[in-house]
């Protein structure tokens, strides 16, 4: 355990150095907040007195700093997600989140791959696969017939985790459906269809990061928050407070940028050849 931890720490220093050499400013934000994101796919830990939430990511605080003119920033911190436990999941995990002013999603994808290659010592190529391409060989009609009580989103999630993910090599899944945009902006693809500027990097079937070309429209973001809340209600999930400070930051003016959250524990698993997240944690 001790030797593995020493190796992990060397990798952690290299991650920080990667960002510092590229001119990003490291920031420290709270892990306990009076508000929380509304994403229906994320479940959070809630404290009781007073009501606060353990952060599922540092995103909203970091975007407030962007609106205050902090420029390119990164944070190496802990995040918490309820119900996520297993070989690749832990309730509490380490995350690298960073934002690049003026970067497109494609430019940020290259930087992510640069980081992954530097930390792992690999020379992984940049490959992009659209969401539509990923589902080309999935028999959705058969899945719909087999799971009549499921929503389309639930069927797609099932197909992704059981059929698509196991066959992925090293590739970015890009151009998500607009309804899966989360906090990403929407654009039209080469076929004139609306897609979300959202991407995820998979390596050997393991999701390593989730990123966006960021939505900066406060009105649109507020609309999405309320849509998320309605989805959470239908799913029987708790409804958090909307982060009005974050919306105020968007109103103030957040610069055009792209951002990403990357799971550091999974990155270190890849670099050290480990199969279980507990092998790169002191207490997992």
C-alpha atoms as a PDB file:
ATOM      1  CA  UNK A   1       0.000   0.000   0.000  1.00  0.00           C
ATOM      2  CA  UNK A   2       2.749   2.456   0.936  1.00  0.00           C
ATOM      3  CA  UNK A   3       4.696   2.018  -2.303  1.00  0.00           C
ATOM      4  CA  UNK A   4       1.553   2.357  -4.423  1.00  0.00           C
ATOM      5  CA  UNK A   5       0.659   5.546  -2.554  1.00  0.00           C
ATOM      6  CA  UNK A   6       4.105   7.017  -3.201  1.00  0.00           C
ATOM      7  CA  UNK A   7       3.674   6.277  -6.915  1.00  0.00           C
ATOM      8  CA  UNK A   8       0.236   7.849  -6.877  1.00  0.00           C
ATOM      9  CA  UNK A   9       1.529  10.986  -5.196  1.00  0.00           C
ATOM     10  CA  UNK A  10       4.209  11.430  -7.843  1.00  0.00           C
ATOM     11  CA  UNK A  11       1.487  11.248 -10.480  1.00  0.00           C
ATOM     12  CA  UNK A  12      -0.601  13.782  -8.526  1.00  0.00           C
ATOM     13  CA  UNK A  13       2.304  16.233  -8.495  1.00  0.00           C
ATOM     14  CA  UNK A  14       2.678  15.744 -12.245  1.00  0.00           C
ATOM     15  CA  UNK A  15      -1.004  16.587 -12.775  1.00  0.00           C
ATOM     16  CA  UNK A  16      -0.643  19.851 -10.848  1.00  0.00           C
ATOM     17  CA  UNK A  17       2.566  20.669 -12.704  1.00  0.00           C
ATOM     18  CA  UNK A  18       0.841  20.027 -16.048  1.00  0.00           C
ATOM     19  CA  UNK A  19      -1.657  22.805 -15.350  1.00  0.00           C
ATOM     20  CA  UNK A  20       0.830  25.226 -13.819  1.00  0.00           C
ATOM     21  CA  UNK A  21       3.160  24.914 -16.802  1.00  0.00           C
ATOM     22  CA  UNK A  22       0.238  25.848 -19.067  1.00  0.00           C
ATOM     23  CA  UNK A  23      -0.507  28.968 -17.065  1.00  0.00           C
ATOM     24  CA  UNK A  24      -3.669  27.900 -15.244  1.00  0.00           C
ATOM     25  CA  UNK A  25      -4.374  29.278 -11.776  1.00  0.00           C
ATOM     26  CA  UNK A  26      -5.164  26.766  -9.042  1.00  0.00           C
ATOM     27  CA  UNK A  27      -8.256  27.618  -6.983  1.00  0.00           C
ATOM     28  CA  UNK A  28      -9.731  26.176  -3.802  1.00  0.00           C
ATOM     29  CA  UNK A  29     -13.525  26.071  -3.470  1.00  0.00           C
ATOM     30  CA  UNK A  30     -15.887  24.725  -0.780  1.00  0.00           C
ATOM     31  CA  UNK A  31     -16.950  21.091  -0.718  1.00  0.00           C
ATOM     32  CA  UNK A  32     -20.017  21.943   1.387  1.00  0.00           C
ATOM     33  CA  UNK A  33     -22.681  24.174  -0.148  1.00  0.00           C
ATOM     34  CA  UNK A  34     -26.159  25.500   0.654  1.00  0.00           C
ATOM     35  CA  UNK A  35     -27.199  24.680  -2.921  1.00  0.00           C
ATOM     36  CA  UNK A  36     -26.629  21.816  -5.324  1.00  0.00           C
ATOM     37  CA  UNK A  37     -26.858  20.944  -9.000  1.00  0.00           C
ATOM     38  CA  UNK A  38     -30.184  19.697 -10.340  1.00  0.00           C
ATOM     39  CA  UNK A  39     -28.904  16.992 -12.737  1.00  0.00           C
ATOM     40  CA  UNK A  40     -31.418  14.087 -12.496  1.00  0.00           C
ATOM     41  CA  UNK A  41     -28.608  11.565 -13.035  1.00  0.00           C
ATOM     42  CA  UNK A  42     -26.654  12.668  -9.954  1.00  0.00           C
ATOM     43  CA  UNK A  43     -27.549  11.816  -6.372  1.00  0.00           C
ATOM     44  CA  UNK A  44     -26.019  13.920  -3.615  1.00  0.00           C
ATOM     45  CA  UNK A  45     -25.347  13.669   0.102  1.00  0.00           C
ATOM     46  CA  UNK A  46     -27.415  16.096   2.157  1.00  0.00           C
ATOM     47  CA  UNK A  47     -26.580  17.285   5.666  1.00  0.00           C
ATOM     48  CA  UNK A  48     -29.362  17.975   8.145  1.00  0.00           C
ATOM     49  CA  UNK A  49     -28.555  20.996  10.301  1.00  0.00           C
ATOM     50  CA  UNK A  50     -28.487  23.357   8.517  1.00  0.00           C
ATOM     51  CA  UNK A  51     -29.376  21.905   5.106  1.00  0.00           C
ATOM     52  CA  UNK A  52     -26.226  21.757   3.007  1.00  0.00           C
ATOM     53  CA  UNK A  53     -24.920  19.415   0.320  1.00  0.00           C
ATOM     54  CA  UNK A  54     -21.587  17.712  -0.265  1.00  0.00           C
ATOM     55  CA  UNK A  55     -20.408  18.890  -3.678  1.00  0.00           C
ATOM     56  CA  UNK A  56     -20.810  16.529  -6.631  1.00  0.00           C
ATOM     57  CA  UNK A  57     -18.223  18.771  -8.358  1.00  0.00           C
ATOM     58  CA  UNK A  58     -16.656  22.233  -7.869  1.00  0.00           C
ATOM     59  CA  UNK A  59     -18.332  23.461 -11.068  1.00  0.00           C
ATOM     60  CA  UNK A  60     -20.679  26.210  -9.903  1.00  0.00           C
ATOM     61  CA  UNK A  61     -18.109  27.857  -7.635  1.00  0.00           C
ATOM     62  CA  UNK A  62     -15.488  27.779 -10.367  1.00  0.00           C
ATOM     63  CA  UNK A  63     -17.857  29.343 -12.875  1.00  0.00           C
ATOM     64  CA  UNK A  64     -18.545  32.164 -10.436  1.00  0.00           C
ATOM     65  CA  UNK A  65     -14.789  32.786 -10.411  1.00  0.00           C
ATOM     66  CA  UNK A  66     -14.765  32.799 -14.217  1.00  0.00           C
ATOM     67  CA  UNK A  67     -17.426  35.510 -14.161  1.00  0.00           C
ATOM     68  CA  UNK A  68     -15.198  37.468 -11.757  1.00  0.00           C
ATOM     69  CA  UNK A  69     -12.368  37.463 -14.278  1.00  0.00           C
ATOM     70  CA  UNK A  70     -10.113  34.718 -12.871  1.00  0.00           C
ATOM     71  CA  UNK A  71      -9.287  33.408 -16.343  1.00  0.00           C
ATOM     72  CA  UNK A  72      -7.997  29.861 -16.912  1.00  0.00           C
ATOM     73  CA  UNK A  73      -8.393  27.940 -13.636  1.00  0.00           C
ATOM     74  CA  UNK A  74      -8.126  24.417 -12.240  1.00  0.00           C
ATOM     75  CA  UNK A  75      -8.995  22.632  -9.023  1.00  0.00           C
ATOM     76  CA  UNK A  76      -7.785  19.317  -7.622  1.00  0.00           C
ATOM     77  CA  UNK A  77     -10.355  18.384  -5.031  1.00  0.00           C
ATOM     78  CA  UNK A  78     -12.772  15.795  -3.652  1.00  0.00           C
ATOM     79  CA  UNK A  79     -16.317  15.213  -4.890  1.00  0.00           C
ATOM     80  CA  UNK A  80     -19.162  13.141  -3.479  1.00  0.00           C
ATOM     81  CA  UNK A  81     -21.913  11.174  -5.202  1.00  0.00           C
ATOM     82  CA  UNK A  82     -24.476   9.039  -3.456  1.00  0.00           C
ATOM     83  CA  UNK A  83     -25.088   5.518  -4.672  1.00  0.00           C
ATOM     84  CA  UNK A  84     -21.854   5.212  -6.651  1.00  0.00           C
ATOM     85  CA  UNK A  85     -19.841   2.280  -5.357  1.00  0.00           C
ATOM     86  CA  UNK A  86     -17.972  -0.532  -7.089  1.00  0.00           C
ATOM     87  CA  UNK A  87     -14.687  -1.427  -8.800  1.00  0.00           C
ATOM     88  CA  UNK A  88     -14.597   1.937 -10.561  1.00  0.00           C
ATOM     89  CA  UNK A  89     -16.714   4.027  -8.185  1.00  0.00           C
ATOM     90  CA  UNK A  90     -16.435   5.391  -4.671  1.00  0.00           C
ATOM     91  CA  UNK A  91     -18.842   7.672  -2.782  1.00  0.00           C
ATOM     92  CA  UNK A  92     -15.952  10.112  -2.286  1.00  0.00           C
ATOM     93  CA  UNK A  93     -13.459  10.500  -5.111  1.00  0.00           C
ATOM     94  CA  UNK A  94     -10.723  12.766  -6.414  1.00  0.00           C
ATOM     95  CA  UNK A  95     -11.417  15.090  -9.298  1.00  0.00           C
ATOM     96  CA  UNK A  96      -9.503  17.462 -11.548  1.00  0.00           C
ATOM     97  CA  UNK A  97     -11.720  20.185 -12.967  1.00  0.00           C
ATOM     98  CA  UNK A  98     -10.500  22.953 -15.228  1.00  0.00           C
ATOM     99  CA  UNK A  99     -11.752  25.715 -17.513  1.00  0.00           C
ATOM    100  CA  UNK A 100     -10.133  27.254 -20.579  1.00  0.00           C
ATOM    101  CA  UNK A 101     -11.232  30.666 -21.799  1.00  0.00           C
ATOM    102  CA  UNK A 102     -11.875  30.795 -25.545  1.00  0.00           C
ATOM    103  CA  UNK A 103     -11.291  27.060 -26.038  1.00  0.00           C
ATOM    104  CA  UNK A 104     -13.638  25.037 -28.198  1.00  0.00           C
ATOM    105  CA  UNK A 105     -14.680  21.571 -27.057  1.00  0.00           C
ATOM    106  CA  UNK A 106     -12.271  20.108 -29.610  1.00  0.00           C
ATOM    107  CA  UNK A 107      -9.317  22.140 -28.314  1.00  0.00           C
ATOM    108  CA  UNK A 108     -10.034  21.033 -24.761  1.00  0.00           C
ATOM    109  CA  UNK A 109     -10.274  17.394 -25.864  1.00  0.00           C
ATOM    110  CA  UNK A 110      -6.723  17.627 -27.204  1.00  0.00           C
ATOM    111  CA  UNK A 111      -5.506  19.077 -23.913  1.00  0.00           C
ATOM    112  CA  UNK A 112      -7.214  16.285 -21.970  1.00  0.00           C
ATOM    113  CA  UNK A 113      -5.472  13.698 -24.133  1.00  0.00           C
ATOM    114  CA  UNK A 114      -2.161  15.513 -23.598  1.00  0.00           C
ATOM    115  CA  UNK A 115      -2.669  15.181 -19.832  1.00  0.00           C
ATOM    116  CA  UNK A 116      -3.675  11.517 -20.031  1.00  0.00           C
ATOM    117  CA  UNK A 117      -0.674  10.653 -22.189  1.00  0.00           C
ATOM    118  CA  UNK A 118       1.735  12.520 -19.932  1.00  0.00           C
ATOM    119  CA  UNK A 119       0.451  10.825 -16.769  1.00  0.00           C
ATOM    120  CA  UNK A 120       0.133   7.310 -18.194  1.00  0.00           C
ATOM    121  CA  UNK A 121       3.173   7.362 -20.470  1.00  0.00           C
ATOM    122  CA  UNK A 122       0.979   6.133 -23.302  1.00  0.00           C
ATOM    123  CA  UNK A 123       0.610   7.654 -26.746  1.00  0.00           C
ATOM    124  CA  UNK A 124      -3.134   7.427 -27.178  1.00  0.00           C
ATOM    125  CA  UNK A 125      -4.544   8.879 -30.427  1.00  0.00           C
ATOM    126  CA  UNK A 126      -7.328  11.442 -30.632  1.00  0.00           C
ATOM    127  CA  UNK A 127     -10.484   9.771 -31.888  1.00  0.00           C
ATOM    128  CA  UNK A 128     -14.019  11.141 -31.852  1.00  0.00           C
ATOM    129  CA  UNK A 129     -17.232   9.141 -32.155  1.00  0.00           C
ATOM    130  CA  UNK A 130     -20.598  10.891 -32.192  1.00  0.00           C
ATOM    131  CA  UNK A 131     -23.423   9.726 -29.961  1.00  0.00           C
ATOM    132  CA  UNK A 132     -25.354   8.821 -33.117  1.00  0.00           C
ATOM    133  CA  UNK A 133     -22.476   6.694 -34.445  1.00  0.00           C
ATOM    134  CA  UNK A 134     -22.109   4.929 -31.083  1.00  0.00           C
ATOM    135  CA  UNK A 135     -25.721   3.747 -31.290  1.00  0.00           C
ATOM    136  CA  UNK A 136     -25.638   2.671 -34.964  1.00  0.00           C
ATOM    137  CA  UNK A 137     -25.382  -1.048 -34.155  1.00  0.00           C
ATOM    138  CA  UNK A 138     -27.775  -1.005 -31.200  1.00  0.00           C
ATOM    139  CA  UNK A 139     -31.228  -2.470 -31.852  1.00  0.00           C
ATOM    140  CA  UNK A 140     -33.208   0.215 -30.009  1.00  0.00           C
ATOM    141  CA  UNK A 141     -36.576  -1.169 -31.144  1.00  0.00           C
ATOM    142  CA  UNK A 142     -35.753  -4.510 -29.558  1.00  0.00           C
ATOM    143  CA  UNK A 143     -34.701  -2.820 -26.322  1.00  0.00           C
ATOM    144  CA  UNK A 144     -37.880  -0.729 -26.280  1.00  0.00           C
ATOM    145  CA  UNK A 145     -39.950  -3.903 -26.672  1.00  0.00           C
ATOM    146  CA  UNK A 146     -38.034  -5.610 -23.870  1.00  0.00           C
ATOM    147  CA  UNK A 147     -38.284  -2.643 -21.498  1.00  0.00           C
ATOM    148  CA  UNK A 148     -41.700  -1.160 -22.168  1.00  0.00           C
ATOM    149  CA  UNK A 149     -41.907   0.541 -18.773  1.00  0.00           C
ATOM    150  CA  UNK A 150     -38.610   2.398 -19.247  1.00  0.00           C
ATOM    151  CA  UNK A 151     -38.158   5.907 -20.616  1.00  0.00           C
ATOM    152  CA  UNK A 152     -36.067   6.425 -23.749  1.00  0.00           C
ATOM    153  CA  UNK A 153     -33.322   7.931 -21.594  1.00  0.00           C
ATOM    154  CA  UNK A 154     -33.265   4.848 -19.347  1.00  0.00           C
ATOM    155  CA  UNK A 155     -33.040   2.557 -22.374  1.00  0.00           C
ATOM    156  CA  UNK A 156     -30.201   4.614 -23.849  1.00  0.00           C
ATOM    157  CA  UNK A 157     -28.335   4.502 -20.520  1.00  0.00           C
ATOM    158  CA  UNK A 158     -28.781   0.726 -20.402  1.00  0.00           C
ATOM    159  CA  UNK A 159     -27.518   0.372 -23.973  1.00  0.00           C
ATOM    160  CA  UNK A 160     -24.522   2.599 -23.258  1.00  0.00           C
ATOM    161  CA  UNK A 161     -23.384   0.728 -20.143  1.00  0.00           C
ATOM    162  CA  UNK A 162     -24.080  -2.844 -21.295  1.00  0.00           C
ATOM    163  CA  UNK A 163     -23.575  -2.781 -25.069  1.00  0.00           C
ATOM    164  CA  UNK A 164     -21.533   0.245 -26.147  1.00  0.00           C
ATOM    165  CA  UNK A 165     -19.078   0.990 -23.317  1.00  0.00           C
ATOM    166  CA  UNK A 166     -17.499  -2.495 -23.153  1.00  0.00           C
ATOM    167  CA  UNK A 167     -16.474  -2.185 -26.807  1.00  0.00           C
ATOM    168  CA  UNK A 168     -14.969   1.304 -26.632  1.00  0.00           C
ATOM    169  CA  UNK A 169     -11.220   1.755 -26.969  1.00  0.00           C
ATOM    170  CA  UNK A 170      -9.784   5.246 -26.595  1.00  0.00           C
ATOM    171  CA  UNK A 171     -12.305   7.720 -27.932  1.00  0.00           C
ATOM    172  CA  UNK A 172     -14.303  10.800 -27.152  1.00  0.00           C
ATOM    173  CA  UNK A 173     -18.053  10.363 -27.424  1.00  0.00           C
ATOM    174  CA  UNK A 174     -19.259  13.726 -28.761  1.00  0.00           C
ATOM    175  CA  UNK A 175     -22.392  15.496 -30.019  1.00  0.00           C
ATOM    176  CA  UNK A 176     -24.809  14.314 -27.343  1.00  0.00           C
ATOM    177  CA  UNK A 177     -28.577  14.735 -27.879  1.00  0.00           C
ATOM    178  CA  UNK A 178     -29.809  18.213 -26.811  1.00  0.00           C
ATOM    179  CA  UNK A 179     -31.850  16.709 -23.964  1.00  0.00           C
ATOM    180  CA  UNK A 180     -28.565  15.438 -22.498  1.00  0.00           C
ATOM    181  CA  UNK A 181     -26.813  18.797 -22.740  1.00  0.00           C
ATOM    182  CA  UNK A 182     -26.712  19.403 -18.956  1.00  0.00           C
ATOM    183  CA  UNK A 183     -24.638  22.602 -18.769  1.00  0.00           C
ATOM    184  CA  UNK A 184     -23.345  22.524 -22.361  1.00  0.00           C
ATOM    185  CA  UNK A 185     -24.313  24.857 -25.166  1.00  0.00           C
ATOM    186  CA  UNK A 186     -26.273  23.606 -28.181  1.00  0.00           C
ATOM    187  CA  UNK A 187     -25.073  23.833 -31.782  1.00  0.00           C
ATOM    188  CA  UNK A 188     -26.032  22.409 -35.174  1.00  0.00           C
ATOM    189  CA  UNK A 189     -23.957  19.580 -36.625  1.00  0.00           C
ATOM    190  CA  UNK A 190     -23.004  19.037 -40.262  1.00  0.00           C
ATOM    191  CA  UNK A 191     -26.457  17.537 -40.926  1.00  0.00           C
ATOM    192  CA  UNK A 192     -28.208  20.601 -39.541  1.00  0.00           C
ATOM    193  CA  UNK A 193     -29.364  18.781 -36.407  1.00  0.00           C
ATOM    194  CA  UNK A 194     -29.089  20.272 -32.944  1.00  0.00           C
ATOM    195  CA  UNK A 195     -26.539  18.557 -30.719  1.00  0.00           C
ATOM    196  CA  UNK A 196     -25.009  19.331 -27.337  1.00  0.00           C
ATOM    197  CA  UNK A 197     -21.379  20.467 -27.155  1.00  0.00           C
ATOM    198  CA  UNK A 198     -20.780  17.762 -24.559  1.00  0.00           C
ATOM    199  CA  UNK A 199     -18.201  14.987 -24.615  1.00  0.00           C
ATOM    200  CA  UNK A 200     -16.902  12.085 -22.558  1.00  0.00           C
ATOM    201  CA  UNK A 201     -13.564  10.317 -22.882  1.00  0.00           C
ATOM    202  CA  UNK A 202     -13.516   6.530 -22.660  1.00  0.00           C
ATOM    203  CA  UNK A 203     -10.387   4.415 -22.354  1.00  0.00           C
ATOM    204  CA  UNK A 204     -10.843   0.646 -22.576  1.00  0.00           C
ATOM    205  CA  UNK A 205     -14.537   1.037 -21.808  1.00  0.00           C
ATOM    206  CA  UNK A 206     -13.940   3.202 -18.715  1.00  0.00           C
ATOM    207  CA  UNK A 207     -15.376   6.726 -18.626  1.00  0.00           C
ATOM    208  CA  UNK A 208     -12.609   9.112 -17.595  1.00  0.00           C
ATOM    209  CA  UNK A 209     -14.127  12.574 -17.950  1.00  0.00           C
ATOM    210  CA  UNK A 210     -17.188  14.642 -18.822  1.00  0.00           C
ATOM    211  CA  UNK A 211     -16.811  18.037 -20.460  1.00  0.00           C
ATOM    212  CA  UNK A 212     -18.679  20.837 -22.178  1.00  0.00           C
ATOM    213  CA  UNK A 213     -18.316  23.852 -24.343  1.00  0.00           C
ATOM    214  CA  UNK A 214     -20.072  25.792 -21.637  1.00  0.00           C
ATOM    215  CA  UNK A 215     -23.531  27.314 -21.697  1.00  0.00           C
ATOM    216  CA  UNK A 216     -23.282  30.997 -20.725  1.00  0.00           C
ATOM    217  CA  UNK A 217     -26.940  32.010 -21.184  1.00  0.00           C
ATOM    218  CA  UNK A 218     -28.518  32.553 -17.743  1.00  0.00           C
ATOM    219  CA  UNK A 219     -32.092  32.421 -19.063  1.00  0.00           C
ATOM    220  CA  UNK A 220     -31.524  29.096 -20.811  1.00  0.00           C
ATOM    221  CA  UNK A 221     -29.705  27.695 -17.779  1.00  0.00           C
ATOM    222  CA  UNK A 222     -32.562  28.622 -15.452  1.00  0.00           C
ATOM    223  CA  UNK A 223     -35.007  26.928 -17.844  1.00  0.00           C
ATOM    224  CA  UNK A 224     -32.913  23.754 -17.763  1.00  0.00           C
ATOM    225  CA  UNK A 225     -32.780  23.826 -13.965  1.00  0.00           C
ATOM    226  CA  UNK A 226     -36.573  23.815 -13.775  1.00  0.00           C
ATOM    227  CA  UNK A 227     -36.800  21.041 -16.372  1.00  0.00           C
ATOM    228  CA  UNK A 228     -34.348  19.002 -14.276  1.00  0.00           C
ATOM    229  CA  UNK A 229     -36.436  19.588 -11.164  1.00  0.00           C
ATOM    230  CA  UNK A 230     -39.544  18.253 -12.899  1.00  0.00           C
ATOM    231  CA  UNK A 231     -37.610  15.157 -13.982  1.00  0.00           C
ATOM    232  CA  UNK A 232     -36.360  14.635 -10.426  1.00  0.00           C
ATOM    233  CA  UNK A 233     -39.917  14.861  -9.112  1.00  0.00           C
ATOM    234  CA  UNK A 234     -41.115  12.240 -11.597  1.00  0.00           C
ATOM    235  CA  UNK A 235     -38.219   9.997 -10.587  1.00  0.00           C
ATOM    236  CA  UNK A 236     -39.068  10.429  -6.905  1.00  0.00           C
ATOM    237  CA  UNK A 237     -35.731  12.053  -6.158  1.00  0.00           C
ATOM    238  CA  UNK A 238     -35.055  14.918  -3.691  1.00  0.00           C
ATOM    239  CA  UNK A 239     -35.229  18.423  -5.146  1.00  0.00           C
ATOM    240  CA  UNK A 240     -32.310  20.720  -4.234  1.00  0.00           C
ATOM    241  CA  UNK A 241     -32.329  24.491  -4.077  1.00  0.00           C
ATOM    242  CA  UNK A 242     -31.411  26.229  -7.322  1.00  0.00           C
ATOM    243  CA  UNK A 243     -28.062  27.997  -7.115  1.00  0.00           C
ATOM    244  CA  UNK A 244     -29.101  31.614  -7.596  1.00  0.00           C
ATOM    245  CA  UNK A 245     -25.507  32.813  -7.104  1.00  0.00           C
ATOM    246  CA  UNK A 246     -24.453  30.732 -10.084  1.00  0.00           C
ATOM    247  CA  UNK A 247     -27.276  32.147 -12.215  1.00  0.00           C
ATOM    248  CA  UNK A 248     -26.271  35.651 -11.105  1.00  0.00           C
ATOM    249  CA  UNK A 249     -22.732  34.928 -12.300  1.00  0.00           C
ATOM    250  CA  UNK A 250     -24.087  33.966 -15.731  1.00  0.00           C
ATOM    251  CA  UNK A 251     -26.141  37.162 -15.768  1.00  0.00           C
ATOM    252  CA  UNK A 252     -23.018  39.130 -14.905  1.00  0.00           C
ATOM    253  CA  UNK A 253     -21.261  37.527 -17.838  1.00  0.00           C
ATOM    254  CA  UNK A 254     -19.234  34.346 -17.896  1.00  0.00           C
ATOM    255  CA  UNK A 255     -16.694  34.297 -20.740  1.00  0.00           C
ATOM    256  CA  UNK A 256     -16.947  31.800 -23.556  1.00  0.00           C
ATOM    257  CA  UNK A 257     -15.036  28.748 -22.431  1.00  0.00           C
ATOM    258  CA  UNK A 258     -14.859  24.975 -22.251  1.00  0.00           C
ATOM    259  CA  UNK A 259     -14.531  22.959 -19.071  1.00  0.00           C
ATOM    260  CA  UNK A 260     -14.112  19.381 -17.931  1.00  0.00           C
ATOM    261  CA  UNK A 261     -14.227  17.210 -14.829  1.00  0.00           C
ATOM    262  CA  UNK A 262     -11.806  14.274 -14.875  1.00  0.00           C
ATOM    263  CA  UNK A 263     -11.740  11.399 -12.392  1.00  0.00           C
ATOM    264  CA  UNK A 264      -8.218  11.324 -10.986  1.00  0.00           C
ATOM    265  CA  UNK A 265      -8.580   7.967  -9.245  1.00  0.00           C
ATOM    266  CA  UNK A 266      -9.463   6.327 -12.560  1.00  0.00           C
ATOM    267  CA  UNK A 267      -6.556   8.092 -14.260  1.00  0.00           C
ATOM    268  CA  UNK A 268      -4.196   6.757 -11.602  1.00  0.00           C
ATOM    269  CA  UNK A 269      -5.698   3.278 -11.942  1.00  0.00           C
ATOM    270  CA  UNK A 270      -4.881   3.425 -15.645  1.00  0.00           C
ATOM    271  CA  UNK A 271      -1.346   4.707 -15.054  1.00  0.00           C
ATOM    272  CA  UNK A 272      -0.548   2.132 -12.346  1.00  0.00           C
ATOM    273  CA  UNK A 273      -2.271  -0.830 -14.001  1.00  0.00           C
ATOM    274  CA  UNK A 274      -4.858  -1.285 -11.256  1.00  0.00           C
ATOM    275  CA  UNK A 275      -8.262  -2.900 -11.709  1.00  0.00           C
ATOM    276  CA  UNK A 276     -10.022  -1.629  -8.573  1.00  0.00           C
ATOM    277  CA  UNK A 277     -10.369   1.963  -7.396  1.00  0.00           C
ATOM    278  CA  UNK A 278      -9.643   0.823  -3.844  1.00  0.00           C
ATOM    279  CA  UNK A 279      -6.094  -0.001  -4.957  1.00  0.00           C
ATOM    280  CA  UNK A 280      -5.297   3.696  -5.489  1.00  0.00           C
ATOM    281  CA  UNK A 281      -7.016   4.965  -2.326  1.00  0.00           C
ATOM    282  CA  UNK A 282      -5.756   4.777   1.252  1.00  0.00           C
ATOM    283  CA  UNK A 283      -9.305   4.388   2.546  1.00  0.00           C
ATOM    284  CA  UNK A 284     -11.792   3.152  -0.027  1.00  0.00           C
END
